[in-house]
C-alpha atoms as a PDB file:
ATOM      1  CA  UNK A   1      10.573  15.502  10.916  1.00  0.00           C
ATOM      2  CA  UNK A   2       9.238  16.601   7.916  1.00  0.00           C
ATOM      3  CA  UNK A   3       7.721  14.035   5.929  1.00  0.00           C
ATOM      4  CA  UNK A   4       5.804  13.645   2.232  1.00  0.00           C
ATOM      5  CA  UNK A   5       3.441  10.772   2.112  1.00  0.00           C
ATOM      6  CA  UNK A   6       1.796   9.978  -1.412  1.00  0.00           C
ATOM      7  CA  UNK A   7      -1.212   8.355  -1.655  1.00  0.00           C
ATOM      8  CA  UNK A   8      -2.991   9.592   1.710  1.00  0.00           C
ATOM      9  CA  UNK A   9      -6.011   9.459   0.139  1.00  0.00           C
ATOM     10  CA  UNK A  10      -5.364   5.623  -0.221  1.00  0.00           C
ATOM     11  CA  UNK A  11      -5.729   2.808   2.208  1.00  0.00           C
ATOM     12  CA  UNK A  12      -2.312   2.487   3.764  1.00  0.00           C
ATOM     13  CA  UNK A  13      -1.344   5.994   3.148  1.00  0.00           C
ATOM     14  CA  UNK A  14      -4.552   7.072   5.001  1.00  0.00           C
ATOM     15  CA  UNK A  15      -3.484   5.155   8.027  1.00  0.00           C
ATOM     16  CA  UNK A  16       0.391   5.840   7.947  1.00  0.00           C
ATOM     17  CA  UNK A  17      -0.305   9.658   7.649  1.00  0.00           C
ATOM     18  CA  UNK A  18      -2.513   9.431  10.810  1.00  0.00           C
ATOM     19  CA  UNK A  19       0.146   7.101  12.766  1.00  0.00           C
ATOM     20  CA  UNK A  20       2.928   9.714  11.961  1.00  0.00           C
ATOM     21  CA  UNK A  21       0.678  12.880  13.043  1.00  0.00           C
ATOM     22  CA  UNK A  22      -0.339  11.313  16.341  1.00  0.00           C
ATOM     23  CA  UNK A  23       3.891  10.872  16.942  1.00  0.00           C
ATOM     24  CA  UNK A  24       3.876  14.737  16.274  1.00  0.00           C
ATOM     25  CA  UNK A  25       5.680  14.522  12.642  1.00  0.00           C
ATOM     26  CA  UNK A  26       5.109  17.033  10.111  1.00  0.00           C
ATOM     27  CA  UNK A  27       3.110  15.702   7.163  1.00  0.00           C
ATOM     28  CA  UNK A  28       2.326  16.816   3.809  1.00  0.00           C
ATOM     29  CA  UNK A  29       0.282  14.197   1.718  1.00  0.00           C
ATOM     30  CA  UNK A  30      -0.587  14.286  -1.760  1.00  0.00           C
ATOM     31  CA  UNK A  31      -2.897  12.103  -4.251  1.00  0.00           C
ATOM     32  CA  UNK A  32      -4.441  12.516  -7.145  1.00  0.00           C
ATOM     33  CA  UNK A  33      -7.690  11.019  -6.091  1.00  0.00           C
ATOM     34  CA  UNK A  34      -8.319   9.224  -9.244  1.00  0.00           C
ATOM     35  CA  UNK A  35     -11.282   7.090  -9.805  1.00  0.00           C
ATOM     36  CA  UNK A  36      -9.959   3.411  -9.972  1.00  0.00           C
ATOM     37  CA  UNK A  37     -12.525   2.890  -7.259  1.00  0.00           C
ATOM     38  CA  UNK A  38     -15.218   5.075  -5.751  1.00  0.00           C
ATOM     39  CA  UNK A  39     -13.463   8.805  -5.206  1.00  0.00           C
ATOM     40  CA  UNK A  40     -16.274   8.926  -2.048  1.00  0.00           C
ATOM     41  CA  UNK A  41     -14.214   6.595  -0.175  1.00  0.00           C
ATOM     42  CA  UNK A  42     -10.811   8.541  -0.731  1.00  0.00           C
ATOM     43  CA  UNK A  43     -12.826  11.661   0.048  1.00  0.00           C
ATOM     44  CA  UNK A  44     -13.991  10.126   3.406  1.00  0.00           C
ATOM     45  CA  UNK A  45     -10.463   9.448   4.366  1.00  0.00           C
ATOM     46  CA  UNK A  46      -8.945  12.572   3.884  1.00  0.00           C
ATOM     47  CA  UNK A  47     -12.326  13.750   5.722  1.00  0.00           C
ATOM     48  CA  UNK A  48     -11.538  11.923   8.806  1.00  0.00           C
ATOM     49  CA  UNK A  49      -8.023  13.706   8.727  1.00  0.00           C
ATOM     50  CA  UNK A  50      -9.572  17.051   8.345  1.00  0.00           C
ATOM     51  CA  UNK A  51      -8.899  17.637   4.857  1.00  0.00           C
ATOM     52  CA  UNK A  52     -12.707  19.071   3.542  1.00  0.00           C
ATOM     53  CA  UNK A  53     -13.997  17.969   0.204  1.00  0.00           C
ATOM     54  CA  UNK A  54     -14.837  21.320  -0.927  1.00  0.00           C
ATOM     55  CA  UNK A  55     -11.501  22.927   0.032  1.00  0.00           C
ATOM     56  CA  UNK A  56      -9.458  20.477  -2.270  1.00  0.00           C
ATOM     57  CA  UNK A  57      -8.417  21.787  -5.714  1.00  0.00           C
ATOM     58  CA  UNK A  58      -5.081  20.866  -8.000  1.00  0.00           C
ATOM     59  CA  UNK A  59      -2.364  22.561  -6.303  1.00  0.00           C
ATOM     60  CA  UNK A  60      -3.622  24.055  -3.678  1.00  0.00           C
ATOM     61  CA  UNK A  61      -2.294  23.038  -0.305  1.00  0.00           C
ATOM     62  CA  UNK A  62      -5.298  22.687   2.167  1.00  0.00           C
ATOM     63  CA  UNK A  63      -4.753  22.817   5.802  1.00  0.00           C
ATOM     64  CA  UNK A  64      -6.144  20.013   8.351  1.00  0.00           C
ATOM     65  CA  UNK A  65      -8.723  21.165  10.817  1.00  0.00           C
ATOM     66  CA  UNK A  66      -7.892  18.050  13.017  1.00  0.00           C
ATOM     67  CA  UNK A  67      -4.008  17.827  12.913  1.00  0.00           C
ATOM     68  CA  UNK A  68      -1.963  21.105  12.965  1.00  0.00           C
ATOM     69  CA  UNK A  69       1.024  19.618  11.539  1.00  0.00           C
ATOM     70  CA  UNK A  70      -0.975  18.025   8.474  1.00  0.00           C
ATOM     71  CA  UNK A  71      -1.341  19.633   4.946  1.00  0.00           C
ATOM     72  CA  UNK A  72      -2.425  17.975   1.630  1.00  0.00           C
ATOM     73  CA  UNK A  73      -2.399  18.905  -2.082  1.00  0.00           C
ATOM     74  CA  UNK A  74      -4.012  17.222  -4.620  1.00  0.00           C
ATOM     75  CA  UNK A  75      -1.100  16.588  -7.172  1.00  0.00           C
ATOM     76  CA  UNK A  76      -0.385  14.005  -9.680  1.00  0.00           C
ATOM     77  CA  UNK A  77       2.866  12.164  -9.555  1.00  0.00           C
ATOM     78  CA  UNK A  78       3.837  12.548 -13.137  1.00  0.00           C
ATOM     79  CA  UNK A  79       3.322  16.442 -12.766  1.00  0.00           C
ATOM     80  CA  UNK A  80       6.817  17.532 -13.703  1.00  0.00           C
ATOM     81  CA  UNK A  81       6.003  21.074 -12.589  1.00  0.00           C
ATOM     82  CA  UNK A  82       4.151  21.038  -9.400  1.00  0.00           C
ATOM     83  CA  UNK A  83       5.863  17.812  -7.854  1.00  0.00           C
ATOM     84  CA  UNK A  84       9.316  19.320  -8.022  1.00  0.00           C
ATOM     85  CA  UNK A  85       7.804  22.827  -6.806  1.00  0.00           C
ATOM     86  CA  UNK A  86       6.523  20.916  -3.744  1.00  0.00           C
ATOM     87  CA  UNK A  87      10.186  19.301  -3.099  1.00  0.00           C
ATOM     88  CA  UNK A  88      12.171  22.617  -3.213  1.00  0.00           C
ATOM     89  CA  UNK A  89       9.644  25.007  -1.063  1.00  0.00           C
ATOM     90  CA  UNK A  90       8.546  22.109   1.508  1.00  0.00           C
ATOM     91  CA  UNK A  91      12.267  20.853   1.926  1.00  0.00           C
ATOM     92  CA  UNK A  92      11.061  17.413   3.126  1.00  0.00           C
ATOM     93  CA  UNK A  93      13.505  15.241   5.295  1.00  0.00           C
ATOM     94  CA  UNK A  94      11.697  11.950   4.303  1.00  0.00           C
ATOM     95  CA  UNK A  95       9.634  10.678   1.426  1.00  0.00           C
ATOM     96  CA  UNK A  96       7.098   7.733   1.887  1.00  0.00           C
ATOM     97  CA  UNK A  97       5.856   6.878  -1.370  1.00  0.00           C
ATOM     98  CA  UNK A  98       2.660   4.729  -1.573  1.00  0.00           C
ATOM     99  CA  UNK A  99       0.866   6.226  -4.686  1.00  0.00           C
ATOM    100  CA  UNK A 100       0.439   4.014  -7.196  1.00  0.00           C
ATOM    101  CA  UNK A 101      -2.000   2.643  -9.852  1.00  0.00           C
ATOM    102  CA  UNK A 102      -3.045  -0.880  -7.794  1.00  0.00           C
ATOM    103  CA  UNK A 103      -4.904  -3.924  -8.990  1.00  0.00           C
ATOM    104  CA  UNK A 104      -3.634  -6.798 -10.812  1.00  0.00           C
ATOM    105  CA  UNK A 105      -6.463  -7.743 -12.955  1.00  0.00           C
ATOM    106  CA  UNK A 106      -7.181  -4.193 -13.664  1.00  0.00           C
ATOM    107  CA  UNK A 107      -3.748  -3.992 -15.427  1.00  0.00           C
ATOM    108  CA  UNK A 108      -4.610  -6.286 -17.946  1.00  0.00           C
ATOM    109  CA  UNK A 109      -7.297  -4.025 -19.047  1.00  0.00           C
ATOM    110  CA  UNK A 110      -5.641  -0.486 -18.878  1.00  0.00           C
ATOM    111  CA  UNK A 111      -1.795  -0.934 -18.936  1.00  0.00           C
ATOM    112  CA  UNK A 112      -1.149   2.574 -19.957  1.00  0.00           C
ATOM    113  CA  UNK A 113      -2.384   3.427 -16.382  1.00  0.00           C
ATOM    114  CA  UNK A 114       0.298   1.579 -14.647  1.00  0.00           C
ATOM    115  CA  UNK A 115       2.976   2.827 -16.926  1.00  0.00           C
ATOM    116  CA  UNK A 116       2.145   6.634 -16.332  1.00  0.00           C
ATOM    117  CA  UNK A 117       1.840   6.218 -12.476  1.00  0.00           C
ATOM    118  CA  UNK A 118       3.999   3.435 -11.439  1.00  0.00           C
ATOM    119  CA  UNK A 119       7.084   3.910 -14.015  1.00  0.00           C
ATOM    120  CA  UNK A 120       6.719   7.487 -15.070  1.00  0.00           C
ATOM    121  CA  UNK A 121       5.398   8.866 -11.683  1.00  0.00           C
ATOM    122  CA  UNK A 122       8.169   7.275  -9.589  1.00  0.00           C
ATOM    123  CA  UNK A 123      11.098   8.409 -11.971  1.00  0.00           C
ATOM    124  CA  UNK A 124       9.419  11.566 -11.135  1.00  0.00           C
ATOM    125  CA  UNK A 125       9.812  10.662  -7.350  1.00  0.00           C
ATOM    126  CA  UNK A 126      13.073   9.746  -7.854  1.00  0.00           C
ATOM    127  CA  UNK A 127      14.414  12.641  -9.609  1.00  0.00           C
ATOM    128  CA  UNK A 128      12.949  15.256  -7.078  1.00  0.00           C
ATOM    129  CA  UNK A 129      14.627  13.152  -4.121  1.00  0.00           C
ATOM    130  CA  UNK A 130      17.958  13.555  -6.184  1.00  0.00           C
ATOM    131  CA  UNK A 131      17.838  17.226  -6.598  1.00  0.00           C
ATOM    132  CA  UNK A 132      16.602  17.727  -2.865  1.00  0.00           C
ATOM    133  CA  UNK A 133      18.922  15.784  -0.295  1.00  0.00           C
ATOM    134  CA  UNK A 134      16.205  13.194   0.768  1.00  0.00           C
ATOM    135  CA  UNK A 135      17.264  11.626   3.858  1.00  0.00           C
ATOM    136  CA  UNK A 136      15.408   8.460   2.976  1.00  0.00           C
ATOM    137  CA  UNK A 137      12.988   7.202   0.519  1.00  0.00           C
ATOM    138  CA  UNK A 138      10.602   4.649   1.440  1.00  0.00           C
ATOM    139  CA  UNK A 139       8.487   3.279  -1.576  1.00  0.00           C
ATOM    140  CA  UNK A 140       5.559   0.691  -1.869  1.00  0.00           C
ATOM    141  CA  UNK A 141       6.386  -2.740  -4.113  1.00  0.00           C
ATOM    142  CA  UNK A 142       4.318  -5.643  -3.738  1.00  0.00           C
ATOM    143  CA  UNK A 143       4.416  -9.401  -2.970  1.00  0.00           C
ATOM    144  CA  UNK A 144       3.190  -9.826  -6.564  1.00  0.00           C
ATOM    145  CA  UNK A 145       6.641  -9.476  -7.604  1.00  0.00           C
ATOM    146  CA  UNK A 146       6.795 -13.163  -6.569  1.00  0.00           C
ATOM    147  CA  UNK A 147       4.482 -13.953  -9.538  1.00  0.00           C
ATOM    148  CA  UNK A 148       4.110 -18.045  -9.569  1.00  0.00           C
ATOM    149  CA  UNK A 149       7.152 -18.797  -7.292  1.00  0.00           C
ATOM    150  CA  UNK A 150       6.689 -22.500  -6.051  1.00  0.00           C
ATOM    151  CA  UNK A 151       9.128 -21.884  -3.259  1.00  0.00           C
ATOM    152  CA  UNK A 152       7.428 -20.782   0.013  1.00  0.00           C
ATOM    153  CA  UNK A 153       7.671 -18.593   2.095  1.00  0.00           C
ATOM    154  CA  UNK A 154       8.749 -15.895  -0.489  1.00  0.00           C
ATOM    155  CA  UNK A 155      12.196 -14.682   0.650  1.00  0.00           C
ATOM    156  CA  UNK A 156      13.794 -11.099  -0.474  1.00  0.00           C
ATOM    157  CA  UNK A 157      16.825 -13.361  -1.765  1.00  0.00           C
ATOM    158  CA  UNK A 158      14.488 -15.340  -4.275  1.00  0.00           C
ATOM    159  CA  UNK A 159      14.631 -14.359  -7.753  1.00  0.00           C
ATOM    160  CA  UNK A 160      11.851 -12.285  -9.269  1.00  0.00           C
ATOM    161  CA  UNK A 161      12.157 -12.514 -13.018  1.00  0.00           C
ATOM    162  CA  UNK A 162       8.699 -13.918 -14.207  1.00  0.00           C
ATOM    163  CA  UNK A 163       5.930 -11.562 -13.230  1.00  0.00           C
ATOM    164  CA  UNK A 164       2.662 -12.763 -14.436  1.00  0.00           C
ATOM    165  CA  UNK A 165       0.917  -9.336 -14.649  1.00  0.00           C
ATOM    166  CA  UNK A 166       1.919  -5.835 -15.673  1.00  0.00           C
ATOM    167  CA  UNK A 167       1.372  -4.725 -12.308  1.00  0.00           C
ATOM    168  CA  UNK A 168       3.730  -6.851 -10.740  1.00  0.00           C
ATOM    169  CA  UNK A 169       6.340  -5.777 -13.487  1.00  0.00           C
ATOM    170  CA  UNK A 170       6.066  -2.177 -12.817  1.00  0.00           C
ATOM    171  CA  UNK A 171       6.822  -2.969  -9.126  1.00  0.00           C
ATOM    172  CA  UNK A 172       9.941  -5.003  -9.755  1.00  0.00           C
ATOM    173  CA  UNK A 173      10.877  -1.998 -12.172  1.00  0.00           C
ATOM    174  CA  UNK A 174      10.374   0.384  -9.201  1.00  0.00           C
ATOM    175  CA  UNK A 175      12.882  -1.550  -6.895  1.00  0.00           C
ATOM    176  CA  UNK A 176      15.384  -1.444  -9.860  1.00  0.00           C
ATOM    177  CA  UNK A 177      14.969   2.327 -10.528  1.00  0.00           C
ATOM    178  CA  UNK A 178      15.629   2.939  -6.828  1.00  0.00           C
ATOM    179  CA  UNK A 179      18.476   0.277  -6.605  1.00  0.00           C
ATOM    180  CA  UNK A 180      20.115   2.368  -9.740  1.00  0.00           C
ATOM    181  CA  UNK A 181      19.042   5.943  -8.120  1.00  0.00           C
ATOM    182  CA  UNK A 182      20.671   5.038  -4.808  1.00  0.00           C
ATOM    183  CA  UNK A 183      24.139   3.575  -6.497  1.00  0.00           C
ATOM    184  CA  UNK A 184      24.317   6.713  -8.913  1.00  0.00           C
ATOM    185  CA  UNK A 185      23.312   9.538  -6.224  1.00  0.00           C
ATOM    186  CA  UNK A 186      23.328   8.011  -2.760  1.00  0.00           C
ATOM    187  CA  UNK A 187      19.588   8.405  -2.190  1.00  0.00           C
ATOM    188  CA  UNK A 188      18.969   5.849   1.167  1.00  0.00           C
ATOM    189  CA  UNK A 189      16.069   3.910  -0.321  1.00  0.00           C
ATOM    190  CA  UNK A 190      14.120   1.301   1.464  1.00  0.00           C
ATOM    191  CA  UNK A 191      11.206  -0.698  -0.810  1.00  0.00           C
ATOM    192  CA  UNK A 192       8.316  -2.612   0.741  1.00  0.00           C
ATOM    193  CA  UNK A 193       6.899  -5.924  -0.680  1.00  0.00           C
ATOM    194  CA  UNK A 194       3.368  -5.520   0.679  1.00  0.00           C
ATOM    195  CA  UNK A 195       1.394  -8.587   1.082  1.00  0.00           C
ATOM    196  CA  UNK A 196      -2.356  -8.781   1.486  1.00  0.00           C
ATOM    197  CA  UNK A 197      -3.304  -5.931   3.686  1.00  0.00           C
ATOM    198  CA  UNK A 198      -7.213  -5.455   5.214  1.00  0.00           C
ATOM    199  CA  UNK A 199      -8.618  -3.493   8.024  1.00  0.00           C
ATOM    200  CA  UNK A 200     -10.921  -0.538   8.404  1.00  0.00           C
ATOM    201  CA  UNK A 201     -11.108   2.012   5.394  1.00  0.00           C
ATOM    202  CA  UNK A 202      -9.795  -0.770   3.020  1.00  0.00           C
ATOM    203  CA  UNK A 203     -10.131  -0.361  -0.741  1.00  0.00           C
ATOM    204  CA  UNK A 204     -13.737  -1.341  -1.630  1.00  0.00           C
ATOM    205  CA  UNK A 205     -12.286  -3.189  -4.935  1.00  0.00           C
ATOM    206  CA  UNK A 206     -10.313  -5.702  -2.458  1.00  0.00           C
ATOM    207  CA  UNK A 207     -11.751  -8.943  -1.079  1.00  0.00           C
ATOM    208  CA  UNK A 208     -12.642  -7.852   2.332  1.00  0.00           C
ATOM    209  CA  UNK A 209     -15.107  -5.186   1.566  1.00  0.00           C
ATOM    210  CA  UNK A 210     -16.474  -7.137  -1.592  1.00  0.00           C
ATOM    211  CA  UNK A 211     -16.914 -10.382   0.424  1.00  0.00           C
ATOM    212  CA  UNK A 212     -18.425  -8.402   3.396  1.00  0.00           C
ATOM    213  CA  UNK A 213     -20.935  -6.261   1.382  1.00  0.00           C
ATOM    214  CA  UNK A 214     -22.173  -9.949  -0.445  1.00  0.00           C
ATOM    215  CA  UNK A 215     -22.680 -11.273   2.761  1.00  0.00           C
ATOM    216  CA  UNK A 216     -24.569  -8.465   4.327  1.00  0.00           C
ATOM    217  CA  UNK A 217     -26.850  -8.151   1.260  1.00  0.00           C
ATOM    218  CA  UNK A 218     -27.002 -11.963   1.104  1.00  0.00           C
ATOM    219  CA  UNK A 219     -25.538 -12.351  -2.429  1.00  0.00           C
ATOM    220  CA  UNK A 220     -23.470 -14.525  -3.799  1.00  0.00           C
ATOM    221  CA  UNK A 221     -19.329 -14.076  -3.511  1.00  0.00           C
ATOM    222  CA  UNK A 222     -17.173 -14.631  -6.450  1.00  0.00           C
ATOM    223  CA  UNK A 223     -14.723 -17.096  -5.355  1.00  0.00           C
ATOM    224  CA  UNK A 224     -11.696 -17.547  -7.858  1.00  0.00           C
ATOM    225  CA  UNK A 225      -9.868 -20.860  -8.171  1.00  0.00           C
ATOM    226  CA  UNK A 226     -12.606 -22.517  -6.578  1.00  0.00           C
ATOM    227  CA  UNK A 227     -11.659 -21.405  -3.206  1.00  0.00           C
ATOM    228  CA  UNK A 228      -8.302 -23.258  -3.341  1.00  0.00           C
ATOM    229  CA  UNK A 229      -6.214 -20.073  -2.742  1.00  0.00           C
ATOM    230  CA  UNK A 230      -3.875 -18.779   0.141  1.00  0.00           C
ATOM    231  CA  UNK A 231      -3.122 -15.329   1.120  1.00  0.00           C
ATOM    232  CA  UNK A 232      -0.767 -13.726   3.811  1.00  0.00           C
ATOM    233  CA  UNK A 233      -3.464 -11.449   4.979  1.00  0.00           C
ATOM    234  CA  UNK A 234      -1.933  -8.883   7.584  1.00  0.00           C
ATOM    235  CA  UNK A 235      -3.969  -6.364   9.612  1.00  0.00           C
ATOM    236  CA  UNK A 236      -3.521  -2.637   8.859  1.00  0.00           C
ATOM    237  CA  UNK A 237      -1.790  -1.704  12.002  1.00  0.00           C
ATOM    238  CA  UNK A 238       0.533  -4.145  12.004  1.00  0.00           C
ATOM    239  CA  UNK A 239       1.821  -3.124   8.170  1.00  0.00           C
ATOM    240  CA  UNK A 240       1.558   0.379   9.533  1.00  0.00           C
ATOM    241  CA  UNK A 241       4.148  -0.536  12.373  1.00  0.00           C
ATOM    242  CA  UNK A 242       6.427  -2.026   9.750  1.00  0.00           C
ATOM    243  CA  UNK A 243       6.431   1.026   7.550  1.00  0.00           C
ATOM    244  CA  UNK A 244       6.986   3.299  10.174  1.00  0.00           C
ATOM    245  CA  UNK A 245       9.875   0.913  11.731  1.00  0.00           C
ATOM    246  CA  UNK A 246      11.675   0.602   8.397  1.00  0.00           C
ATOM    247  CA  UNK A 247      11.223   4.694   7.445  1.00  0.00           C
ATOM    248  CA  UNK A 248      13.183   5.380  11.053  1.00  0.00           C
ATOM    249  CA  UNK A 249      16.048   3.055  10.013  1.00  0.00           C
ATOM    250  CA  UNK A 250      18.107   4.669   7.303  1.00  0.00           C
ATOM    251  CA  UNK A 251      19.752   2.016   4.973  1.00  0.00           C
ATOM    252  CA  UNK A 252      23.607   1.526   5.443  1.00  0.00           C
ATOM    253  CA  UNK A 253      25.648   1.370   2.498  1.00  0.00           C
ATOM    254  CA  UNK A 254      25.815  -2.240   1.009  1.00  0.00           C
ATOM    255  CA  UNK A 255      28.964  -4.084  -0.479  1.00  0.00           C
ATOM    256  CA  UNK A 256      27.909  -2.584  -4.088  1.00  0.00           C
ATOM    257  CA  UNK A 257      27.965   0.816  -2.845  1.00  0.00           C
ATOM    258  CA  UNK A 258      23.839   1.332  -2.836  1.00  0.00           C
ATOM    259  CA  UNK A 259      22.385   2.350   0.365  1.00  0.00           C
ATOM    260  CA  UNK A 260      18.975   0.368  -0.906  1.00  0.00           C
ATOM    261  CA  UNK A 261      17.116  -2.721   1.020  1.00  0.00           C
ATOM    262  CA  UNK A 262      14.174  -4.663   0.174  1.00  0.00           C
ATOM    263  CA  UNK A 263      11.830  -5.774   2.762  1.00  0.00           C
ATOM    264  CA  UNK A 264       8.804  -8.569   2.789  1.00  0.00           C
ATOM    265  CA  UNK A 265       5.961  -6.918   4.926  1.00  0.00           C
ATOM    266  CA  UNK A 266       3.198  -9.514   5.949  1.00  0.00           C
ATOM    267  CA  UNK A 267       2.004 -11.751   8.667  1.00  0.00           C
ATOM    268  CA  UNK A 268       4.006 -14.882   7.300  1.00  0.00           C
ATOM    269  CA  UNK A 269       0.637 -17.107   8.143  1.00  0.00           C
ATOM    270  CA  UNK A 270      -0.955 -17.550   5.083  1.00  0.00           C
ATOM    271  CA  UNK A 271      -4.773 -18.109   5.387  1.00  0.00           C
ATOM    272  CA  UNK A 272      -7.078 -20.291   3.109  1.00  0.00           C
ATOM    273  CA  UNK A 273      -9.336 -17.764   1.307  1.00  0.00           C
ATOM    274  CA  UNK A 274     -12.435 -20.447   2.530  1.00  0.00           C
ATOM    275  CA  UNK A 275     -11.320 -19.586   6.203  1.00  0.00           C
ATOM    276  CA  UNK A 276     -11.082 -15.797   5.616  1.00  0.00           C
ATOM    277  CA  UNK A 277     -14.668 -15.965   4.141  1.00  0.00           C
ATOM    278  CA  UNK A 278     -15.743 -18.056   6.964  1.00  0.00           C
ATOM    279  CA  UNK A 279     -14.420 -15.836   9.563  1.00  0.00           C
ATOM    280  CA  UNK A 280     -16.032 -12.840   7.953  1.00  0.00           C
ATOM    281  CA  UNK A 281     -19.530 -14.899   7.948  1.00  0.00           C
ATOM    282  CA  UNK A 282     -19.118 -15.303  11.865  1.00  0.00           C
ATOM    283  CA  UNK A 283     -18.431 -11.882  12.644  1.00  0.00           C
ATOM    284  CA  UNK A 284     -21.242 -10.583  10.507  1.00  0.00           C
ATOM    285  CA  UNK A 285     -23.641 -13.076  11.670  1.00  0.00           C
ATOM    286  CA  UNK A 286     -24.825 -14.435   8.280  1.00  0.00           C
ATOM    287  CA  UNK A 287     -24.224 -17.408   5.810  1.00  0.00           C
ATOM    288  CA  UNK A 288     -21.888 -16.879   2.902  1.00  0.00           C
ATOM    289  CA  UNK A 289     -23.149 -17.596  -0.650  1.00  0.00           C
ATOM    290  CA  UNK A 290     -20.454 -18.464  -2.970  1.00  0.00           C
ATOM    291  CA  UNK A 291     -20.277 -19.028  -6.558  1.00  0.00           C
ATOM    292  CA  UNK A 292     -17.077 -20.807  -7.825  1.00  0.00           C
ATOM    293  CA  UNK A 293     -15.009 -19.456 -10.187  1.00  0.00           C
ATOM    294  CA  UNK A 294     -11.633 -20.552 -12.125  1.00  0.00           C
ATOM    295  CA  UNK A 295      -8.400 -18.880 -11.535  1.00  0.00           C
ATOM    296  CA  UNK A 296      -8.261 -15.260 -13.318  1.00  0.00           C
ATOM    297  CA  UNK A 297      -5.499 -14.006 -15.171  1.00  0.00           C
ATOM    298  CA  UNK A 298      -2.507 -12.500 -13.533  1.00  0.00           C
ATOM    299  CA  UNK A 299      -3.725 -14.122  -9.692  1.00  0.00           C
ATOM    300  CA  UNK A 300      -1.452 -16.343  -7.864  1.00  0.00           C
ATOM    301  CA  UNK A 301      -2.313 -19.573  -6.162  1.00  0.00           C
ATOM    302  CA  UNK A 302      -0.612 -18.441  -2.933  1.00  0.00           C
ATOM    303  CA  UNK A 303       1.328 -15.721  -0.862  1.00  0.00           C
ATOM    304  CA  UNK A 304       3.711 -16.385   1.989  1.00  0.00           C
ATOM    305  CA  UNK A 305       6.206 -13.727   3.288  1.00  0.00           C
ATOM    306  CA  UNK A 306       9.388 -14.494   4.883  1.00  0.00           C
ATOM    307  CA  UNK A 307       9.668 -11.738   7.425  1.00  0.00           C
ATOM    308  CA  UNK A 308      12.988 -13.082   8.759  1.00  0.00           C
ATOM    309  CA  UNK A 309      14.751  -9.853   7.565  1.00  0.00           C
ATOM    310  CA  UNK A 310      12.325  -7.319   8.765  1.00  0.00           C
ATOM    311  CA  UNK A 311      12.222  -9.157  12.346  1.00  0.00           C
ATOM    312  CA  UNK A 312      16.161  -8.885  12.484  1.00  0.00           C
ATOM    313  CA  UNK A 313      16.346  -5.148  11.597  1.00  0.00           C
ATOM    314  CA  UNK A 314      13.477  -3.511  13.251  1.00  0.00           C
ATOM    315  CA  UNK A 315      12.088  -6.210  15.655  1.00  0.00           C
ATOM    316  CA  UNK A 316       8.734  -6.385  13.109  1.00  0.00           C
ATOM    317  CA  UNK A 317       6.150  -8.823  14.833  1.00  0.00           C
ATOM    318  CA  UNK A 318       2.389  -8.740  13.629  1.00  0.00           C
ATOM    319  CA  UNK A 319       0.126  -8.882  16.887  1.00  0.00           C
ATOM    320  CA  UNK A 320      -3.225  -9.245  15.217  1.00  0.00           C
ATOM    321  CA  UNK A 321      -4.880 -12.574  14.873  1.00  0.00           C
ATOM    322  CA  UNK A 322      -7.136 -12.965  11.895  1.00  0.00           C
ATOM    323  CA  UNK A 323     -10.115 -13.097  14.208  1.00  0.00           C
ATOM    324  CA  UNK A 324      -9.538 -10.106  16.331  1.00  0.00           C
ATOM    325  CA  UNK A 325      -8.746  -8.312  13.002  1.00  0.00           C
ATOM    326  CA  UNK A 326     -11.767  -9.202  11.141  1.00  0.00           C
ATOM    327  CA  UNK A 327     -14.069  -8.030  13.892  1.00  0.00           C
ATOM    328  CA  UNK A 328     -12.255  -4.840  13.872  1.00  0.00           C
ATOM    329  CA  UNK A 329     -12.833  -4.282  10.286  1.00  0.00           C
ATOM    330  CA  UNK A 330     -16.562  -5.501  10.551  1.00  0.00           C
ATOM    331  CA  UNK A 331     -17.218  -2.963  13.374  1.00  0.00           C
ATOM    332  CA  UNK A 332     -15.882   0.063  11.101  1.00  0.00           C
ATOM    333  CA  UNK A 333     -17.358  -1.291   8.435  1.00  0.00           C
ATOM    334  CA  UNK A 334     -21.029  -1.391   9.680  1.00  0.00           C
ATOM    335  CA  UNK A 335     -20.481   2.070  11.148  1.00  0.00           C
ATOM    336  CA  UNK A 336     -19.411   3.407   7.718  1.00  0.00           C
ATOM    337  CA  UNK A 337     -22.252   1.760   5.839  1.00  0.00           C
ATOM    338  CA  UNK A 338     -24.890   3.748   8.032  1.00  0.00           C
ATOM    339  CA  UNK A 339     -22.550   7.315   7.622  1.00  0.00           C
END
């Protein structure tokens, strides 16, 4: 199969591209390599897949030196010339859209970054799929769509009409946009509501790296809501198992005439934030110093995935316990720091 993966300089996109290449799919990756967080991490991920930093230029197709079936193009999702041209010339079978402007708190400060990437960019993806007979579109949604829902675990059947951040609102909008395109044009589409993902090559703006760095450097960690928070932490390998499994399962037409389905993808085992910090500190071998702070705007107290639907449809089952995942993450992080 020939697969377009957007966001391959990002955390999940990088891991997905490697998994697909290891099973001998042909992959074209795109990313705009924006500076939401340090671009050095993004270039390092690309280098790990054989894409040299000095070869990258906007619109240029770069051949991987590590994977013969992998090529990369620096491209923005909002580009209404380059993106359609790629679809027309490459003739993709499947599309996995993981590129987006991420971050809940950042959406409060920079709303138009989310409008452009998550709405305009996604509309461009949908139009390209519409005009190029794509067999299956898989796209990233988020657990943030559940907002402040009190009922747990979060089910795909729950109402998600009350987002507490613009980021969450754009992800809910993506689900509605994909559903409408599936109804109008018969595009098979699967949305994945990701819960908290961690592991090697993770985002430096997320808690695992921020906390690990602070513990190693013996600096205090900012702990919001005084540590009274729970997250459905899921190791990256388990997440990729779910993404590949759903990608390979094209949705059947439903009673409403749509080939569109939504899945939660998480561990279904929420962890107290303080327990996560303690596990990190133990793996590092240093004590964690903490500054307790109130809840931040846009945050939610707890995330908890009901993965019954994913278990039923693709036999999904996360296999990585927190302690094992943290140890693998810290081993990578210490090596990465030295490089």
